[in-house]
N, C-alpha and C. Protein backbone atom coordinates (compact mmCIF):
# COMPACT_ATOMS: atom_id res chain seq x y z
N MET A 1 -16.04 60.57 108.52
CA MET A 1 -16.12 61.70 107.22
C MET A 1 -16.58 61.08 106.12
N PRO A 2 -17.72 61.70 105.69
CA PRO A 2 -18.22 61.04 104.60
C PRO A 2 -17.28 61.38 103.79
N ARG A 3 -16.72 62.26 103.35
CA ARG A 3 -15.98 62.57 102.05
C ARG A 3 -14.45 61.69 102.08
N ALA A 4 -14.00 61.13 103.10
CA ALA A 4 -13.06 60.13 103.05
C ALA A 4 -13.47 58.65 102.44
N ILE A 5 -14.96 58.66 102.97
CA ILE A 5 -15.61 57.68 102.57
C ILE A 5 -16.01 57.27 101.28
N LEU A 6 -16.07 58.22 100.42
CA LEU A 6 -16.55 58.44 99.51
C LEU A 6 -15.15 57.85 98.49
N ALA A 7 -14.47 58.67 99.10
CA ALA A 7 -12.90 58.32 97.95
C ALA A 7 -12.62 57.12 98.27
N SER A 8 -12.73 56.65 99.12
CA SER A 8 -12.36 55.24 99.41
C SER A 8 -13.14 54.41 98.69
N PHE A 9 -14.34 54.87 98.84
CA PHE A 9 -15.37 53.94 97.84
C PHE A 9 -14.54 54.07 95.89
N LEU A 10 -14.51 55.35 96.29
CA LEU A 10 -13.90 55.27 94.09
C LEU A 10 -12.44 54.08 93.88
N TRP A 11 -11.98 54.17 95.05
CA TRP A 11 -10.89 52.95 94.78
C TRP A 11 -11.14 51.40 94.79
N LEU A 12 -11.81 51.42 95.80
CA LEU A 12 -12.82 49.93 96.15
C LEU A 12 -13.53 49.82 94.75
N ALA A 13 -14.69 50.64 94.69
CA ALA A 13 -15.56 50.02 92.78
C ALA A 13 -14.44 49.94 91.74
N ALA A 14 -13.13 50.94 91.48
CA ALA A 14 -12.32 50.53 90.74
C ALA A 14 -11.95 48.87 90.82
N LEU A 15 -11.73 48.67 92.07
CA LEU A 15 -10.49 47.59 92.22
C LEU A 15 -11.52 46.28 91.90
N MET A 16 -13.05 46.76 92.36
CA MET A 16 -13.78 45.53 91.98
C MET A 16 -14.39 45.63 90.22
N ILE A 17 -14.39 46.55 89.45
CA ILE A 17 -14.03 46.36 88.35
C ILE A 17 -13.19 45.91 87.64
N LEU A 18 -12.03 46.04 88.08
CA LEU A 18 -10.84 45.36 87.79
C LEU A 18 -10.88 43.82 88.01
N ALA A 19 -11.16 43.62 88.66
CA ALA A 19 -11.32 42.28 89.16
C ALA A 19 -12.39 41.56 88.44
N VAL A 20 -13.47 41.71 88.42
CA VAL A 20 -14.64 41.72 87.18
C VAL A 20 -13.87 41.85 85.48
N SER A 21 -13.17 42.46 85.55
CA SER A 21 -12.99 42.48 84.08
C SER A 21 -11.48 41.29 83.44
N VAL A 22 -11.13 40.93 84.91
CA VAL A 22 -9.83 40.04 84.83
C VAL A 22 -10.70 38.33 84.77
N VAL A 23 -11.49 38.61 85.68
CA VAL A 23 -12.09 36.91 85.74
C VAL A 23 -12.95 36.98 84.72
N ILE A 24 -13.74 37.75 83.87
CA ILE A 24 -14.20 37.52 82.76
C ILE A 24 -13.28 37.51 81.48
N ALA A 25 -11.85 38.22 81.58
CA ALA A 25 -11.29 37.80 80.08
C ALA A 25 -10.42 36.44 80.50
N ARG A 26 -10.16 36.09 81.73
CA ARG A 26 -10.08 34.75 81.72
C ARG A 26 -10.65 33.93 81.79
N ILE A 27 -12.04 33.82 81.91
CA ILE A 27 -13.40 33.05 81.02
C ILE A 27 -13.10 32.78 79.53
N THR A 28 -13.08 33.98 78.99
CA THR A 28 -13.21 34.09 78.19
C THR A 28 -11.98 34.02 76.65
N GLY A 29 -11.06 34.27 77.60
CA GLY A 29 -9.75 33.95 76.80
C GLY A 29 -9.68 35.77 76.12
N ASP A 30 -10.22 36.51 76.59
CA ASP A 30 -10.23 37.96 75.41
C ASP A 30 -9.51 38.95 76.33
N GLY A 31 -8.02 39.07 76.27
CA GLY A 31 -7.83 40.24 76.95
C GLY A 31 -8.87 41.61 76.87
N HIS A 32 -9.47 41.93 75.55
CA HIS A 32 -10.10 43.23 75.50
C HIS A 32 -10.83 43.28 76.83
N TRP A 33 -11.59 42.49 77.51
CA TRP A 33 -11.89 42.96 78.70
C TRP A 33 -11.68 43.66 79.99
N ILE A 34 -9.90 43.48 79.79
CA ILE A 34 -9.43 44.40 80.67
C ILE A 34 -9.12 45.82 80.22
N ASN A 35 -9.32 46.03 78.73
CA ASN A 35 -9.75 47.34 78.34
C ASN A 35 -10.90 48.31 78.24
N ARG A 36 -12.05 47.00 78.37
CA ARG A 36 -13.47 47.69 78.83
C ARG A 36 -13.25 48.07 80.52
N GLY A 37 -12.55 47.38 80.87
CA GLY A 37 -12.41 47.84 82.77
C GLY A 37 -12.22 48.79 82.67
N GLY A 38 -10.92 48.86 81.80
CA GLY A 38 -10.56 50.28 82.19
C GLY A 38 -10.70 51.47 81.63
N ALA A 39 -11.49 51.48 80.61
CA ALA A 39 -12.57 52.37 80.08
C ALA A 39 -13.61 52.63 81.26
N THR A 40 -14.34 51.90 81.64
CA THR A 40 -15.08 52.10 82.87
C THR A 40 -14.78 52.57 83.92
N ILE A 41 -13.55 52.23 84.62
CA ILE A 41 -12.82 53.07 85.37
C ILE A 41 -12.82 54.40 84.90
N ALA A 42 -11.85 54.72 83.86
CA ALA A 42 -12.07 55.77 83.23
C ALA A 42 -12.91 57.27 83.81
N ALA A 43 -14.34 56.40 82.77
CA ALA A 43 -15.15 56.74 82.91
C ALA A 43 -16.02 56.87 84.52
N MET A 44 -15.83 56.61 84.99
CA MET A 44 -16.05 56.59 86.66
C MET A 44 -15.38 57.56 87.44
N ALA A 45 -13.98 57.81 86.91
CA ALA A 45 -13.02 58.47 87.61
C ALA A 45 -13.33 60.03 87.20
N ALA A 46 -14.05 59.95 85.81
CA ALA A 46 -14.36 61.49 85.05
C ALA A 46 -15.77 61.87 86.03
N GLY A 47 -16.68 61.18 86.33
CA GLY A 47 -18.15 61.03 86.87
C GLY A 47 -17.62 61.49 88.27
N ALA A 48 -16.62 61.12 88.83
CA ALA A 48 -16.22 61.71 90.31
C ALA A 48 -15.33 63.06 90.09
N VAL A 49 -15.00 63.22 89.13
CA VAL A 49 -14.85 64.75 89.46
C VAL A 49 -15.97 65.84 89.90
N LEU A 50 -17.16 65.09 89.73
CA LEU A 50 -18.39 65.75 90.38
C LEU A 50 -18.40 66.02 92.48
N LEU A 51 -17.73 64.68 92.31
CA LEU A 51 -17.59 64.38 94.09
C LEU A 51 -16.39 64.99 94.84
N GLN A 52 -15.34 65.78 93.61
CA GLN A 52 -14.35 66.59 93.69
C GLN A 52 -14.54 68.52 93.98
N ILE A 53 -15.54 68.68 92.98
CA ILE A 53 -16.29 69.65 93.24
C ILE A 53 -16.95 70.09 94.45
N MET A 54 -18.05 68.94 94.90
CA MET A 54 -18.70 68.69 95.94
C MET A 54 -17.75 69.01 97.20
N VAL A 55 -16.98 68.47 97.39
CA VAL A 55 -16.25 68.18 98.38
C VAL A 55 -15.31 69.37 98.28
N GLU A 56 -14.84 70.18 97.48
CA GLU A 56 -14.35 71.13 97.45
C GLU A 56 -15.47 72.51 98.20
N ILE A 57 -16.44 72.34 97.50
CA ILE A 57 -17.40 73.48 97.99
C ILE A 57 -17.60 73.06 99.30
N GLU A 58 -17.89 72.25 99.85
CA GLU A 58 -17.91 71.78 101.18
C GLU A 58 -16.42 72.23 102.04
N LEU A 59 -15.80 72.32 101.54
CA LEU A 59 -14.05 72.32 102.51
C LEU A 59 -13.80 73.88 102.15
N GLU A 60 -14.84 74.45 101.20
CA GLU A 60 -14.71 76.06 100.94
C GLU A 60 -15.58 76.92 102.41
N LYS A 61 -16.61 75.95 102.44
CA LYS A 61 -17.53 76.46 103.40
C LYS A 61 -17.14 76.41 104.78
N GLU A 62 -16.05 75.39 105.12
CA GLU A 62 -15.74 74.78 106.37
C GLU A 62 -14.38 75.93 106.82
N SER A 63 -13.82 76.24 105.72
CA SER A 63 -12.84 77.08 105.77
C SER A 63 -13.24 78.27 106.36
N ARG A 64 -14.12 78.79 105.36
CA ARG A 64 -14.80 80.27 105.68
C ARG A 64 -15.59 80.46 107.27
N ASP A 65 -16.24 79.20 107.54
CA ASP A 65 -17.04 79.22 108.96
C ASP A 65 -15.86 79.37 110.49
N LEU A 66 -14.44 78.83 110.06
CA LEU A 66 -13.84 78.88 110.76
C LEU A 66 -13.99 79.78 111.70
N PRO A 67 -13.69 80.01 113.48
CA PRO A 67 -13.93 81.46 113.71
C PRO A 67 -12.19 81.92 113.80
N ALA A 68 -12.69 83.47 113.64
CA ALA A 68 -11.05 83.83 113.76
C ALA A 68 -10.75 83.79 115.40
N PRO A 69 -9.29 84.14 115.84
CA PRO A 69 -9.20 83.83 116.83
C PRO A 69 -9.28 85.45 117.44
N PRO A 70 -9.75 85.33 118.59
CA PRO A 70 -10.17 86.73 119.46
C PRO A 70 -8.82 88.05 118.65
N ASP A 71 -9.34 89.05 119.10
CA ASP A 71 -8.31 90.09 118.76
C ASP A 71 -7.71 90.49 120.06
N LEU A 72 -6.64 90.79 120.15
CA LEU A 72 -5.92 90.98 121.73
C LEU A 72 -5.85 92.50 122.24
N PRO A 73 -5.69 92.81 123.41
CA PRO A 73 -5.98 94.01 123.66
C PRO A 73 -4.43 94.55 123.23
N ALA A 74 -4.45 96.13 123.67
CA ALA A 74 -3.00 96.51 123.07
C ALA A 74 -1.90 95.95 124.34
N TYR A 75 -2.26 95.56 125.33
CA TYR A 75 -1.19 95.17 126.13
C TYR A 75 -1.89 93.60 126.85
N PRO A 76 -2.03 92.47 126.48
CA PRO A 76 -2.30 91.34 126.87
C PRO A 76 -1.64 90.59 128.04
N SER A 77 -2.53 90.05 128.88
CA SER A 77 -2.41 89.16 130.12
C SER A 77 -1.08 88.41 129.35
N PRO A 78 -0.53 87.17 130.03
CA PRO A 78 -0.22 86.20 129.60
C PRO A 78 -1.12 85.07 129.45
N ARG A 79 -2.52 85.38 130.09
CA ARG A 79 -3.31 84.18 129.41
C ARG A 79 -4.28 84.25 129.02
N GLU A 80 -4.45 85.86 128.14
CA GLU A 80 -4.66 86.39 126.91
C GLU A 80 -4.09 85.90 125.74
N LEU A 81 -2.46 86.03 125.83
CA LEU A 81 -1.93 85.95 125.02
C LEU A 81 -2.14 84.20 124.75
N LEU A 82 -2.08 83.46 125.76
CA LEU A 82 -2.00 82.16 125.45
C LEU A 82 -3.39 81.36 124.73
N GLU A 83 -4.43 82.12 125.17
CA GLU A 83 -5.89 81.80 124.50
C GLU A 83 -5.72 82.31 123.20
N HIS A 84 -5.24 83.35 123.06
CA HIS A 84 -5.00 83.64 121.69
C HIS A 84 -3.93 82.67 120.51
N THR A 85 -3.00 82.48 121.63
CA THR A 85 -1.98 81.67 120.49
C THR A 85 -2.79 80.23 120.09
N LEU A 86 -3.50 79.91 121.34
CA LEU A 86 -4.15 78.63 120.95
C LEU A 86 -5.17 78.32 120.00
N ALA A 87 -5.97 79.00 120.19
CA ALA A 87 -6.70 79.65 118.99
C ALA A 87 -6.34 79.75 117.61
N ALA A 88 -5.42 80.73 117.24
CA ALA A 88 -4.38 80.85 116.10
C ALA A 88 -4.08 79.33 115.65
N LYS A 89 -3.21 78.73 116.71
CA LYS A 89 -2.88 77.12 116.52
C LYS A 89 -4.10 76.48 115.61
N GLY A 90 -5.23 76.44 116.80
CA GLY A 90 -6.16 75.35 116.51
C GLY A 90 -6.77 75.63 115.16
N ARG A 91 -6.71 76.90 114.72
CA ARG A 91 -7.25 77.18 113.77
C ARG A 91 -6.34 76.62 112.39
N GLU A 92 -5.21 77.03 112.70
CA GLU A 92 -4.12 76.67 111.39
C GLU A 92 -3.83 75.12 111.22
N ALA A 93 -4.46 74.40 112.44
CA ALA A 93 -3.71 72.84 112.60
C ALA A 93 -5.59 72.66 111.75
N ARG A 94 -6.70 73.21 111.50
CA ARG A 94 -7.74 72.83 110.90
C ARG A 94 -7.61 73.29 109.92
N MET A 95 -7.23 74.23 109.58
CA MET A 95 -6.79 74.67 107.74
C MET A 95 -6.28 73.36 107.27
N ALA A 96 -5.13 73.14 108.16
CA ALA A 96 -3.79 72.15 107.44
C ALA A 96 -5.05 70.64 107.21
N SER A 97 -5.66 70.08 108.03
CA SER A 97 -6.51 69.41 107.95
C SER A 97 -7.68 69.30 106.85
N LEU A 98 -8.43 70.61 106.61
CA LEU A 98 -9.00 70.69 105.37
C LEU A 98 -7.79 71.24 104.21
N HIS A 99 -7.09 71.29 104.11
CA HIS A 99 -6.49 71.22 102.83
C HIS A 99 -5.73 69.74 102.58
N GLN A 100 -5.31 69.00 103.23
CA GLN A 100 -5.05 67.30 103.36
C GLN A 100 -6.02 66.81 102.76
N ASP A 101 -7.54 66.97 102.92
CA ASP A 101 -8.68 66.47 103.08
C ASP A 101 -9.11 66.56 101.29
N ARG A 102 -8.74 68.09 101.23
CA ARG A 102 -8.56 68.44 99.61
C ARG A 102 -8.27 67.56 98.73
N LEU A 103 -6.59 67.39 99.19
CA LEU A 103 -5.92 66.74 98.12
C LEU A 103 -6.17 65.48 98.18
N GLN A 104 -6.22 64.95 99.26
CA GLN A 104 -6.72 63.37 99.10
C GLN A 104 -7.39 62.94 98.36
N VAL A 105 -8.68 63.76 98.10
CA VAL A 105 -9.83 63.62 97.44
C VAL A 105 -9.08 63.67 95.95
N ALA A 106 -8.77 64.84 95.70
CA ALA A 106 -8.08 65.01 94.38
C ALA A 106 -7.02 63.80 93.41
N LEU A 107 -6.15 63.39 94.33
CA LEU A 107 -5.42 62.58 94.22
C LEU A 107 -6.10 61.16 93.86
N ARG A 108 -7.08 60.80 94.54
CA ARG A 108 -7.62 59.68 94.31
C ARG A 108 -8.52 59.61 93.00
N VAL A 109 -8.79 60.95 92.80
CA VAL A 109 -9.76 60.78 91.28
C VAL A 109 -8.63 60.87 90.47
N ALA A 110 -7.65 61.36 90.40
CA ALA A 110 -6.91 61.91 89.55
C ALA A 110 -5.86 60.49 89.10
N VAL A 111 -5.41 59.48 90.27
CA VAL A 111 -4.91 57.99 90.27
C VAL A 111 -5.99 56.84 89.67
N THR A 112 -7.18 56.79 90.30
CA THR A 112 -8.46 56.18 89.27
C THR A 112 -8.26 56.41 87.86
N ALA A 113 -8.31 58.01 87.80
CA ALA A 113 -8.65 58.48 86.18
C ALA A 113 -7.18 57.80 85.65
N ILE A 114 -5.54 57.92 86.03
CA ILE A 114 -4.84 57.29 85.58
C ILE A 114 -4.76 55.74 85.38
N ILE A 115 -4.76 55.37 86.13
CA ILE A 115 -5.02 53.72 86.24
C ILE A 115 -6.11 53.39 85.01
N GLY A 116 -7.29 53.49 84.93
CA GLY A 116 -8.25 53.44 84.30
C GLY A 116 -7.95 53.68 82.80
N GLU A 117 -7.04 54.43 82.68
CA GLU A 117 -6.99 55.10 80.92
C GLU A 117 -5.67 53.95 80.69
N LEU A 118 -4.09 53.72 81.43
CA LEU A 118 -3.58 52.80 81.00
C LEU A 118 -4.24 51.25 81.07
N LEU A 119 -5.50 50.92 81.93
CA LEU A 119 -5.32 49.95 81.50
C LEU A 119 -6.72 49.74 80.67
N HIS A 120 -6.94 51.06 79.88
CA HIS A 120 -7.61 51.11 78.56
C HIS A 120 -6.84 50.88 77.44
N GLY A 121 -6.02 51.77 77.69
CA GLY A 121 -4.94 51.69 76.38
C GLY A 121 -4.38 50.35 76.35
N PHE A 122 -3.82 49.73 77.40
CA PHE A 122 -2.72 48.59 77.44
C PHE A 122 -2.92 47.63 78.20
N GLY A 123 -4.26 47.33 78.86
CA GLY A 123 -4.54 46.57 79.91
C GLY A 123 -4.46 45.15 78.91
N ASP A 124 -5.18 45.12 77.40
CA ASP A 124 -5.20 43.62 76.81
C ASP A 124 -3.41 43.19 76.49
N VAL A 125 -2.52 44.32 76.44
CA VAL A 125 -1.20 43.77 75.78
C VAL A 125 -0.42 43.62 77.53
N ALA A 126 -1.03 43.98 78.23
CA ALA A 126 -0.40 43.70 79.61
C ALA A 126 -0.20 42.06 80.22
N THR A 127 -1.76 41.59 80.11
CA THR A 127 -2.28 40.55 80.24
C THR A 127 -1.64 39.48 79.34
N CYS A 128 -1.72 39.79 78.00
CA CYS A 128 -1.37 38.52 77.35
C CYS A 128 0.03 37.87 77.58
N GLY A 129 -0.27 36.31 77.13
CA GLY A 129 0.73 35.51 77.94
C GLY A 129 0.39 35.34 79.61
N TRP A 130 0.33 35.90 80.33
CA TRP A 130 -0.05 35.18 81.75
C TRP A 130 -1.33 35.58 82.04
N LEU A 131 -2.26 36.35 81.63
CA LEU A 131 -3.37 35.76 81.81
C LEU A 131 -4.54 34.89 81.18
N VAL A 132 -4.48 35.69 79.39
CA VAL A 132 -5.27 35.36 78.89
C VAL A 132 -3.85 34.53 77.38
N GLU A 133 -4.46 33.79 76.61
CA GLU A 133 -3.52 33.54 75.28
C GLU A 133 -4.03 34.47 74.15
N CYS A 134 -2.53 35.09 73.68
CA CYS A 134 -2.48 35.78 72.50
C CYS A 134 -3.12 35.01 71.60
N HIS A 135 -4.04 35.95 70.75
CA HIS A 135 -3.91 34.94 69.56
C HIS A 135 -3.25 36.76 68.05
N CYS A 136 -2.38 37.05 68.99
CA CYS A 136 -1.94 37.87 67.77
C CYS A 136 -0.84 38.05 66.50
C-alpha cells in the first residue's frame, strides 16, 4: 500500500534529520543544530500536508467506488439474506479500513509537525549538558 509507505517514510526522514542534527551538534558543540533540524522537520511536515490531501482524495474515491450491497427482494431466501449480509459486512470492513488509513496518515503528519516544532523551539535547551557543552 503506497500511502502507508509514504507515511512511514515521513517518520524515517524525520528520524534521519534528527540523527544528522544530533551528530552535527555534537561535532560542533552547538546545540542550535537541533533547533535547525527541528525547523527542517516542521517544514517537511507542513509539506506532507500535500501528501495528506492526496491520500484524502484517493480514499474518498475508493469509498465512492465501493459496490453497494445487492437489493433484497421482498421475501428473501436464506441464501439471499446471507449474501446481502456478507456484502454489507465486507463493505463496512473496507470503509473502516479506509477510515483507519486516513487517520494513520493524518496522525503521522501531525506528530511529525509537533516533534519538529518542539525541537525547533527547545532542542538546544533539551540537549544542553548531555549532548553539547552549554555556553549560557
